[in-house]
Amino acid sequence: IFIQNWQVLALATAFAVFTFGSMALVITPAVYLIIGYVLTQMALAGYSPLLLIPAIAVHGIVEIPVIIIATASALRLGAVITKPPQGATVGQAWTLAFADMVKLWLGVILPGLLLAALIEATVTPAVMQALLSR
């Protein structure tokens, strides 16, 4: 779970560097399209889509903010070259944005993804089992 989430965010960040940040806004929201598709399929099959809310909310309380932070840092990294801060060269601005992104990845994003993966692997199944066994 951790590796999958890390790969998606790392890919979005790598592509953001070459697309002025725009691919960060394309790759990461794709997950929400998949969730929407699953909700639609559940509704068409006669199940309540509300059943998926606890499955997402339990670990999503950590994972979704981390994804938003990673996406924002990737967007900034790619977009900073279009208008560097006054008094800074493009290289200086990009280096500072890259340094900020690395700090976020080491201090917030990777630990948050690890915590979300642990919750998703342990707590989420227990919550869903309890809800479905009623």
N, C-alpha and C. Protein backbone atom coordinates (compact mmCIF):
# COMPACT_ATOMS: atom_id res chain seq x y z
N ILE A 1 0.84 -1.19 0.00
CA ILE A 1 0.00 0.00 0.00
C ILE A 1 0.88 1.25 0.00
N PHE A 2 1.88 1.24 0.87
CA PHE A 2 2.80 2.38 0.95
C PHE A 2 3.53 2.59 -0.37
N ILE A 3 4.05 1.50 -0.95
CA ILE A 3 4.81 1.60 -2.20
C ILE A 3 3.92 2.12 -3.33
N GLN A 4 2.68 1.62 -3.40
CA GLN A 4 1.75 2.07 -4.45
C GLN A 4 1.50 3.57 -4.35
N ASN A 5 1.20 4.04 -3.16
CA ASN A 5 0.93 5.46 -2.96
C ASN A 5 2.18 6.30 -3.24
N TRP A 6 3.33 5.81 -2.80
CA TRP A 6 4.58 6.52 -3.03
C TRP A 6 4.87 6.62 -4.53
N GLN A 7 4.64 5.54 -5.26
CA GLN A 7 4.90 5.55 -6.70
C GLN A 7 4.04 6.57 -7.43
N VAL A 8 2.78 6.64 -7.08
CA VAL A 8 1.88 7.60 -7.74
C VAL A 8 2.34 9.03 -7.47
N LEU A 9 2.66 9.33 -6.23
CA LEU A 9 3.08 10.69 -5.89
C LEU A 9 4.45 11.02 -6.47
N ALA A 10 5.36 10.05 -6.48
CA ALA A 10 6.68 10.28 -7.07
C ALA A 10 6.56 10.50 -8.58
N LEU A 11 5.71 9.74 -9.23
CA LEU A 11 5.49 9.91 -10.67
C LEU A 11 4.90 11.28 -10.97
N ALA A 12 3.92 11.68 -10.18
CA ALA A 12 3.31 13.00 -10.36
C ALA A 12 4.35 14.10 -10.17
N THR A 13 5.22 13.94 -9.19
CA THR A 13 6.27 14.94 -8.94
C THR A 13 7.27 14.98 -10.09
N ALA A 14 7.68 13.81 -10.56
CA ALA A 14 8.65 13.76 -11.66
C ALA A 14 8.07 14.40 -12.93
N PHE A 15 6.84 14.08 -13.24
CA PHE A 15 6.21 14.67 -14.43
C PHE A 15 5.96 16.17 -14.25
N ALA A 16 5.70 16.59 -13.02
CA ALA A 16 5.43 18.00 -12.76
C ALA A 16 6.63 18.87 -13.10
N VAL A 17 7.82 18.33 -12.91
CA VAL A 17 9.03 19.10 -13.20
C VAL A 17 9.07 19.50 -14.67
N PHE A 18 8.60 18.62 -15.55
CA PHE A 18 8.70 18.86 -16.99
C PHE A 18 7.43 19.45 -17.60
N THR A 19 6.37 19.59 -16.81
CA THR A 19 5.10 20.07 -17.35
C THR A 19 4.61 21.32 -16.61
N PHE A 20 5.53 22.05 -16.03
CA PHE A 20 5.20 23.27 -15.28
C PHE A 20 4.23 22.98 -14.15
N GLY A 21 4.24 21.77 -13.63
CA GLY A 21 3.41 21.39 -12.51
C GLY A 21 2.05 20.83 -12.86
N SER A 22 1.66 20.92 -14.12
CA SER A 22 0.30 20.53 -14.48
C SER A 22 0.01 19.04 -14.32
N MET A 23 0.99 18.18 -14.55
CA MET A 23 0.73 16.74 -14.43
C MET A 23 0.46 16.32 -12.98
N ALA A 24 0.93 17.10 -12.04
CA ALA A 24 0.60 16.80 -10.63
C ALA A 24 -0.90 16.92 -10.41
N LEU A 25 -1.51 17.82 -11.18
CA LEU A 25 -2.96 18.02 -11.05
C LEU A 25 -3.76 17.05 -11.92
N VAL A 26 -3.08 16.21 -12.68
CA VAL A 26 -3.76 15.23 -13.52
C VAL A 26 -3.62 13.83 -12.92
N ILE A 27 -2.42 13.48 -12.48
CA ILE A 27 -2.15 12.11 -12.01
C ILE A 27 -2.81 11.83 -10.66
N THR A 28 -2.63 12.71 -9.69
CA THR A 28 -3.14 12.41 -8.34
C THR A 28 -4.67 12.40 -8.25
N PRO A 29 -5.40 13.27 -8.93
CA PRO A 29 -6.86 13.18 -8.85
C PRO A 29 -7.45 11.96 -9.57
N ALA A 30 -6.65 11.26 -10.34
CA ALA A 30 -7.15 10.06 -11.03
C ALA A 30 -7.69 9.04 -10.04
N VAL A 31 -7.13 9.01 -8.84
CA VAL A 31 -7.60 8.09 -7.80
C VAL A 31 -9.06 8.40 -7.46
N TYR A 32 -9.42 9.67 -7.44
CA TYR A 32 -10.79 10.04 -7.10
C TYR A 32 -11.76 9.64 -8.20
N LEU A 33 -11.29 9.61 -9.43
CA LEU A 33 -12.12 9.11 -10.53
C LEU A 33 -12.41 7.62 -10.33
N ILE A 34 -11.41 6.89 -9.91
CA ILE A 34 -11.59 5.46 -9.67
C ILE A 34 -12.58 5.24 -8.53
N ILE A 35 -12.48 6.02 -7.47
CA ILE A 35 -13.42 5.91 -6.36
C ILE A 35 -14.83 6.22 -6.84
N GLY A 36 -14.98 7.24 -7.67
CA GLY A 36 -16.29 7.56 -8.23
C GLY A 36 -16.85 6.43 -9.07
N TYR A 37 -16.00 5.79 -9.83
CA TYR A 37 -16.41 4.65 -10.65
C TYR A 37 -16.89 3.50 -9.76
N VAL A 38 -16.14 3.20 -8.72
CA VAL A 38 -16.53 2.13 -7.80
C VAL A 38 -17.86 2.45 -7.13
N LEU A 39 -18.03 3.70 -6.70
CA LEU A 39 -19.30 4.10 -6.08
C LEU A 39 -20.47 3.92 -7.05
N THR A 40 -20.26 4.29 -8.29
CA THR A 40 -21.30 4.14 -9.31
C THR A 40 -21.63 2.67 -9.54
N GLN A 41 -20.61 1.84 -9.61
CA GLN A 41 -20.83 0.41 -9.83
C GLN A 41 -21.55 -0.23 -8.64
N MET A 42 -21.22 0.22 -7.43
CA MET A 42 -21.92 -0.29 -6.25
C MET A 42 -23.40 0.08 -6.30
N ALA A 43 -23.68 1.32 -6.68
CA ALA A 43 -25.07 1.78 -6.76
C ALA A 43 -25.83 1.01 -7.83
N LEU A 44 -25.19 0.78 -8.97
CA LEU A 44 -25.84 0.02 -10.05
C LEU A 44 -26.09 -1.43 -9.66
N ALA A 45 -25.24 -1.97 -8.80
CA ALA A 45 -25.40 -3.36 -8.35
C ALA A 45 -26.41 -3.48 -7.21
N GLY A 46 -26.93 -2.35 -6.74
CA GLY A 46 -27.94 -2.38 -5.70
C GLY A 46 -27.42 -2.21 -4.29
N TYR A 47 -26.13 -1.94 -4.14
CA TYR A 47 -25.55 -1.72 -2.81
C TYR A 47 -25.51 -0.23 -2.52
N SER A 48 -25.53 0.10 -1.27
CA SER A 48 -25.44 1.50 -0.88
C SER A 48 -24.02 2.00 -1.05
N PRO A 49 -23.82 3.07 -1.81
CA PRO A 49 -22.48 3.64 -1.94
C PRO A 49 -21.94 4.18 -0.61
N LEU A 50 -22.84 4.41 0.34
CA LEU A 50 -22.42 4.91 1.65
C LEU A 50 -21.54 3.90 2.38
N LEU A 51 -21.59 2.64 1.95
CA LEU A 51 -20.77 1.60 2.56
C LEU A 51 -19.28 1.87 2.36
N LEU A 52 -18.94 2.56 1.28
CA LEU A 52 -17.54 2.83 0.97
C LEU A 52 -16.98 3.99 1.80
N ILE A 53 -17.83 4.83 2.34
CA ILE A 53 -17.35 6.00 3.09
C ILE A 53 -16.49 5.61 4.29
N PRO A 54 -16.92 4.66 5.14
CA PRO A 54 -16.03 4.30 6.25
C PRO A 54 -14.73 3.65 5.78
N ALA A 55 -14.80 2.93 4.66
CA ALA A 55 -13.59 2.28 4.14
C ALA A 55 -12.55 3.32 3.72
N ILE A 56 -13.01 4.44 3.23
CA ILE A 56 -12.10 5.50 2.78
C ILE A 56 -11.74 6.43 3.94
N ALA A 57 -12.72 6.77 4.75
CA ALA A 57 -12.51 7.78 5.79
C ALA A 57 -11.54 7.35 6.87
N VAL A 58 -11.50 6.06 7.19
CA VAL A 58 -10.65 5.60 8.30
C VAL A 58 -9.19 5.94 8.02
N HIS A 59 -8.67 5.56 6.88
CA HIS A 59 -7.27 5.88 6.58
C HIS A 59 -7.14 7.17 5.78
N GLY A 60 -8.24 7.59 5.15
CA GLY A 60 -8.21 8.81 4.34
C GLY A 60 -8.00 10.07 5.16
N ILE A 61 -8.31 10.02 6.44
CA ILE A 61 -8.11 11.18 7.29
C ILE A 61 -6.63 11.57 7.34
N VAL A 62 -5.75 10.60 7.12
CA VAL A 62 -4.32 10.86 7.06
C VAL A 62 -3.86 10.97 5.60
N GLU A 63 -4.32 10.04 4.78
CA GLU A 63 -3.81 9.91 3.41
C GLU A 63 -4.20 11.09 2.51
N ILE A 64 -5.42 11.55 2.59
CA ILE A 64 -5.88 12.61 1.68
C ILE A 64 -5.12 13.92 1.91
N PRO A 65 -4.93 14.39 3.15
CA PRO A 65 -4.12 15.60 3.32
C PRO A 65 -2.67 15.43 2.84
N VAL A 66 -2.11 14.23 3.03
CA VAL A 66 -0.75 13.98 2.56
C VAL A 66 -0.69 14.06 1.04
N ILE A 67 -1.69 13.50 0.37
CA ILE A 67 -1.73 13.57 -1.09
C ILE A 67 -1.87 15.02 -1.56
N ILE A 68 -2.67 15.79 -0.87
CA ILE A 68 -2.84 17.20 -1.24
C ILE A 68 -1.52 17.97 -1.05
N ILE A 69 -0.82 17.71 0.04
CA ILE A 69 0.46 18.37 0.29
C ILE A 69 1.48 17.98 -0.77
N ALA A 70 1.55 16.69 -1.11
CA ALA A 70 2.49 16.23 -2.13
C ALA A 70 2.16 16.84 -3.49
N THR A 71 0.90 16.90 -3.82
CA THR A 71 0.48 17.49 -5.09
C THR A 71 0.83 18.98 -5.14
N ALA A 72 0.59 19.68 -4.06
CA ALA A 72 0.90 21.11 -4.01
C ALA A 72 2.41 21.35 -4.14
N SER A 73 3.21 20.52 -3.49
CA SER A 73 4.66 20.71 -3.59
C SER A 73 5.15 20.40 -5.00
N ALA A 74 4.57 19.40 -5.65
CA ALA A 74 4.94 19.08 -7.03
C ALA A 74 4.51 20.20 -7.97
N LEU A 75 3.33 20.74 -7.75
CA LEU A 75 2.86 21.86 -8.56
C LEU A 75 3.78 23.06 -8.42
N ARG A 76 4.17 23.37 -7.20
CA ARG A 76 5.08 24.49 -6.97
C ARG A 76 6.42 24.25 -7.63
N LEU A 77 6.93 23.03 -7.52
CA LEU A 77 8.24 22.72 -8.11
C LEU A 77 8.23 22.93 -9.62
N GLY A 78 7.15 22.52 -10.26
CA GLY A 78 7.08 22.70 -11.71
C GLY A 78 6.76 24.11 -12.13
N ALA A 79 5.94 24.80 -11.36
CA ALA A 79 5.47 26.12 -11.76
C ALA A 79 6.41 27.26 -11.37
N VAL A 80 7.32 27.01 -10.46
CA VAL A 80 8.17 28.11 -9.97
C VAL A 80 9.04 28.69 -11.07
N ILE A 81 9.32 27.91 -12.10
CA ILE A 81 10.16 28.44 -13.17
C ILE A 81 9.42 29.43 -14.06
N THR A 82 8.11 29.44 -14.01
CA THR A 82 7.36 30.38 -14.85
C THR A 82 7.40 31.80 -14.31
N LYS A 83 7.53 31.95 -13.01
CA LYS A 83 7.64 33.28 -12.40
C LYS A 83 8.40 33.16 -11.09
N PRO A 84 9.72 33.20 -11.18
CA PRO A 84 10.50 33.12 -9.94
C PRO A 84 10.27 34.34 -9.06
N PRO A 85 10.46 34.21 -7.76
CA PRO A 85 10.30 35.37 -6.87
C PRO A 85 11.23 36.52 -7.28
N GLN A 86 10.80 37.71 -7.01
CA GLN A 86 11.59 38.89 -7.38
C GLN A 86 12.95 38.83 -6.69
N GLY A 87 13.98 39.07 -7.46
CA GLY A 87 15.34 39.06 -6.93
C GLY A 87 16.01 37.69 -6.98
N ALA A 88 15.33 36.69 -7.50
CA ALA A 88 15.90 35.35 -7.59
C ALA A 88 15.94 34.91 -9.04
N THR A 89 16.97 34.16 -9.38
CA THR A 89 17.03 33.60 -10.72
C THR A 89 16.13 32.36 -10.78
N VAL A 90 15.91 31.87 -11.98
CA VAL A 90 15.10 30.67 -12.15
C VAL A 90 15.75 29.50 -11.41
N GLY A 91 17.06 29.39 -11.55
CA GLY A 91 17.78 28.29 -10.88
C GLY A 91 17.68 28.37 -9.36
N GLN A 92 17.82 29.56 -8.83
CA GLN A 92 17.70 29.74 -7.37
C GLN A 92 16.30 29.39 -6.89
N ALA A 93 15.30 29.89 -7.62
CA ALA A 93 13.91 29.63 -7.23
C ALA A 93 13.61 28.14 -7.29
N TRP A 94 14.07 27.47 -8.35
CA TRP A 94 13.80 26.03 -8.49
C TRP A 94 14.52 25.25 -7.40
N THR A 95 15.76 25.64 -7.10
CA THR A 95 16.52 24.95 -6.05
C THR A 95 15.83 25.10 -4.70
N LEU A 96 15.33 26.29 -4.39
CA LEU A 96 14.62 26.48 -3.13
C LEU A 96 13.32 25.67 -3.09
N ALA A 97 12.60 25.64 -4.21
CA ALA A 97 11.37 24.85 -4.27
C ALA A 97 11.69 23.37 -4.13
N PHE A 98 12.77 22.92 -4.74
CA PHE A 98 13.17 21.52 -4.63
C PHE A 98 13.55 21.18 -3.19
N ALA A 99 14.29 22.08 -2.53
CA ALA A 99 14.68 21.86 -1.14
C ALA A 99 13.44 21.79 -0.24
N ASP A 100 12.49 22.68 -0.48
CA ASP A 100 11.25 22.65 0.30
C ASP A 100 10.49 21.34 0.07
N MET A 101 10.48 20.88 -1.19
CA MET A 101 9.79 19.63 -1.51
C MET A 101 10.46 18.45 -0.81
N VAL A 102 11.78 18.41 -0.81
CA VAL A 102 12.49 17.32 -0.14
C VAL A 102 12.18 17.32 1.36
N LYS A 103 12.17 18.49 1.96
CA LYS A 103 11.83 18.58 3.39
C LYS A 103 10.42 18.06 3.66
N LEU A 104 9.49 18.45 2.79
CA LEU A 104 8.11 17.96 2.95
C LEU A 104 8.04 16.45 2.78
N TRP A 105 8.75 15.92 1.77
CA TRP A 105 8.73 14.47 1.55
C TRP A 105 9.30 13.73 2.75
N LEU A 106 10.40 14.20 3.30
CA LEU A 106 11.04 13.50 4.42
C LEU A 106 10.30 13.70 5.74
N GLY A 107 9.74 14.88 5.94
CA GLY A 107 9.13 15.18 7.23
C GLY A 107 7.64 14.95 7.33
N VAL A 108 6.92 15.00 6.19
CA VAL A 108 5.46 14.92 6.23
C VAL A 108 4.92 13.81 5.33
N ILE A 109 5.33 13.83 4.05
CA ILE A 109 4.70 12.97 3.07
C ILE A 109 5.00 11.49 3.30
N LEU A 110 6.29 11.13 3.38
CA LEU A 110 6.62 9.71 3.59
C LEU A 110 6.11 9.17 4.93
N PRO A 111 6.31 9.91 6.04
CA PRO A 111 5.72 9.39 7.30
C PRO A 111 4.20 9.31 7.25
N GLY A 112 3.57 10.28 6.60
CA GLY A 112 2.11 10.26 6.47
C GLY A 112 1.63 9.09 5.64
N LEU A 113 2.33 8.81 4.53
CA LEU A 113 1.96 7.66 3.70
C LEU A 113 2.16 6.36 4.46
N LEU A 114 3.21 6.27 5.24
CA LEU A 114 3.45 5.06 6.03
C LEU A 114 2.36 4.87 7.08
N LEU A 115 2.01 5.93 7.77
CA LEU A 115 0.93 5.85 8.76
C LEU A 115 -0.39 5.48 8.11
N ALA A 116 -0.71 6.10 6.98
CA ALA A 116 -1.95 5.80 6.27
C ALA A 116 -1.97 4.35 5.80
N ALA A 117 -0.84 3.84 5.33
CA ALA A 117 -0.76 2.45 4.89
C ALA A 117 -0.96 1.49 6.05
N LEU A 118 -0.38 1.82 7.20
CA LEU A 118 -0.57 0.96 8.38
C LEU A 118 -2.03 0.95 8.82
N ILE A 119 -2.66 2.11 8.80
CA ILE A 119 -4.08 2.19 9.16
C ILE A 119 -4.92 1.43 8.14
N GLU A 120 -4.60 1.61 6.85
CA GLU A 120 -5.36 0.95 5.80
C GLU A 120 -5.23 -0.57 5.86
N ALA A 121 -4.07 -1.05 6.29
CA ALA A 121 -3.85 -2.49 6.34
C ALA A 121 -4.38 -3.13 7.61
N THR A 122 -4.52 -2.36 8.68
CA THR A 122 -4.93 -2.96 9.95
C THR A 122 -6.30 -2.48 10.43
N VAL A 123 -6.48 -1.18 10.55
CA VAL A 123 -7.70 -0.63 11.14
C VAL A 123 -8.88 -0.69 10.16
N THR A 124 -8.65 -0.28 8.92
CA THR A 124 -9.74 -0.24 7.94
C THR A 124 -10.43 -1.60 7.77
N PRO A 125 -9.68 -2.71 7.62
CA PRO A 125 -10.36 -4.00 7.50
C PRO A 125 -11.18 -4.37 8.74
N ALA A 126 -10.66 -4.02 9.92
CA ALA A 126 -11.40 -4.32 11.15
C ALA A 126 -12.70 -3.51 11.23
N VAL A 127 -12.63 -2.25 10.83
CA VAL A 127 -13.84 -1.40 10.84
C VAL A 127 -14.85 -1.95 9.83
N MET A 128 -14.40 -2.30 8.65
CA MET A 128 -15.31 -2.81 7.63
C MET A 128 -15.91 -4.16 8.03
N GLN A 129 -15.11 -5.00 8.65
CA GLN A 129 -15.61 -6.29 9.11
C GLN A 129 -16.69 -6.08 10.17
N ALA A 130 -16.45 -5.14 11.08
CA ALA A 130 -17.44 -4.86 12.11
C ALA A 130 -18.73 -4.31 11.50
N LEU A 131 -18.61 -3.44 10.52
CA LEU A 131 -19.79 -2.87 9.88
C LEU A 131 -20.56 -3.92 9.07
N LEU A 132 -19.85 -4.78 8.38
CA LEU A 132 -20.51 -5.77 7.51
C LEU A 132 -21.06 -6.96 8.29
N SER A 133 -20.58 -7.18 9.50
CA SER A 133 -21.06 -8.34 10.26
C SER A 133 -22.32 -8.05 11.05
N ARG A 134 -22.84 -6.85 10.95
CA ARG A 134 -24.06 -6.49 11.67
C ARG A 134 -25.25 -7.18 11.09
